[in-house]
Amino acid sequence: MSVELDARRRRAGFRASHRGTREMDWLLGKFADACLASMSDADLALFEELIELPDPDLHRWILEPTVMPGREFAALIGALRAYHKLDQPVA
């Protein structure tokens, strides 16, 4: 593992869990804690782009992915939803 990649993962993890809204801190921070270590450089770059987006947009995309415009983040949003078990039907 490169030192630069490790530093980027630490920065992304911090940013994911210090967004300003408690719910997004939890949603993104928990996912980052569990998944950043195994992300490739390309996956990390996409995650870094994602966490720069406004909380209201991300919140809506995670909880209601049908409203997500574009598809560049679709797989990552899907992984976030699966991690938090939001992709399972409500009983």
Protein backbone atom coordinates (compact mmCIF):
# COMPACT_ATOMS: atom_id res chain seq x y z
CA MET A 1 0.00 0.00 0.00
CA SER A 2 1.37 3.38 -0.92
CA VAL A 3 1.79 6.08 1.68
CA GLU A 4 -0.15 8.51 -0.53
CA LEU A 5 -3.10 6.14 -0.92
CA ASP A 6 -3.17 5.53 2.83
CA ALA A 7 -3.16 9.29 3.51
CA ARG A 8 -6.02 9.80 1.03
CA ARG A 9 -8.01 7.06 2.75
CA ARG A 10 -7.50 8.72 6.15
CA ARG A 11 -8.56 12.13 4.80
CA ALA A 12 -11.62 10.64 3.08
CA GLY A 13 -12.59 8.78 6.27
CA PHE A 14 -12.32 11.95 8.33
CA ARG A 15 -14.30 13.97 5.78
CA ALA A 16 -16.98 11.28 5.53
CA SER A 17 -17.61 11.33 9.28
CA HIS A 18 -17.31 15.11 9.79
CA ARG A 19 -19.82 16.53 7.32
CA GLY A 20 -21.94 18.71 9.56
CA THR A 21 -25.13 16.69 9.76
CA ARG A 22 -25.26 13.83 12.23
CA GLU A 23 -27.16 11.48 9.93
CA MET A 24 -24.76 11.91 7.01
CA ASP A 25 -21.76 11.67 9.36
CA TRP A 26 -23.11 8.30 10.45
CA LEU A 27 -24.17 7.01 7.01
CA LEU A 28 -20.95 7.93 5.24
CA GLY A 29 -18.60 7.56 8.21
CA LYS A 30 -19.63 4.00 9.08
CA PHE A 31 -19.37 2.99 5.42
CA ALA A 32 -15.93 4.62 5.16
CA ASP A 33 -14.71 2.89 8.33
CA ALA A 34 -15.73 -0.49 6.92
CA CYS A 35 -14.82 -0.07 3.25
CA LEU A 36 -12.04 2.47 2.64
CA ALA A 37 -9.20 0.06 3.42
CA SER A 38 -10.22 -2.22 0.57
CA MET A 39 -10.96 0.50 -2.01
CA SER A 40 -8.78 0.71 -5.08
CA ASP A 41 -7.34 4.03 -6.19
CA ALA A 42 -10.20 4.46 -8.69
CA ASP A 43 -12.87 3.56 -6.12
CA LEU A 44 -11.32 5.95 -3.62
CA ALA A 45 -11.26 8.75 -6.21
CA LEU A 46 -14.98 8.24 -6.83
CA PHE A 47 -15.69 8.22 -3.08
CA GLU A 48 -13.68 11.44 -2.71
CA GLU A 49 -15.86 13.04 -5.40
CA LEU A 50 -19.02 11.75 -3.73
CA ILE A 51 -18.20 13.19 -0.32
CA GLU A 52 -17.70 16.63 -1.83
CA LEU A 53 -21.37 16.76 -2.86
CA PRO A 54 -23.97 18.55 -0.69
CA ASP A 55 -25.55 16.57 2.15
CA PRO A 56 -29.17 17.07 0.98
CA ASP A 57 -28.36 15.54 -2.41
CA LEU A 58 -26.46 12.61 -0.94
CA HIS A 59 -29.13 11.98 1.67
CA ARG A 60 -31.82 11.86 -0.99
CA TRP A 61 -29.75 9.63 -3.29
CA ILE A 62 -28.99 7.15 -0.51
CA LEU A 63 -32.51 6.97 0.86
CA GLU A 64 -34.34 7.38 -2.47
CA PRO A 65 -31.95 6.25 -5.22
CA THR A 66 -34.61 6.54 -7.91
CA VAL A 67 -34.18 10.35 -7.78
CA MET A 68 -30.43 10.16 -8.42
CA PRO A 69 -29.52 12.03 -11.61
CA GLY A 70 -26.72 10.60 -13.73
CA ARG A 71 -25.22 7.24 -13.01
CA GLU A 72 -21.55 7.90 -12.23
CA PHE A 73 -22.19 7.26 -8.53
CA ALA A 74 -24.81 4.50 -8.95
CA ALA A 75 -22.56 1.59 -7.94
CA LEU A 76 -21.16 3.49 -4.96
CA ILE A 77 -24.63 4.55 -3.79
CA GLY A 78 -25.69 0.92 -4.20
CA ALA A 79 -22.78 -0.21 -2.04
CA LEU A 80 -23.70 2.37 0.62
CA ARG A 81 -27.31 1.21 0.58
CA ALA A 82 -26.29 -2.45 0.80
CA TYR A 83 -23.86 -1.76 3.65
CA HIS A 84 -26.62 -0.10 5.68
CA LYS A 85 -29.17 -2.72 4.56
CA LEU A 86 -31.28 -0.05 2.88
CA ASP A 87 -31.61 -2.16 -0.25
CA GLN A 88 -33.83 -4.71 1.46
CA PRO A 89 -37.62 -4.51 1.35
CA VAL A 90 -39.39 -3.36 4.49
CA ALA A 91 -41.38 -6.18 6.06
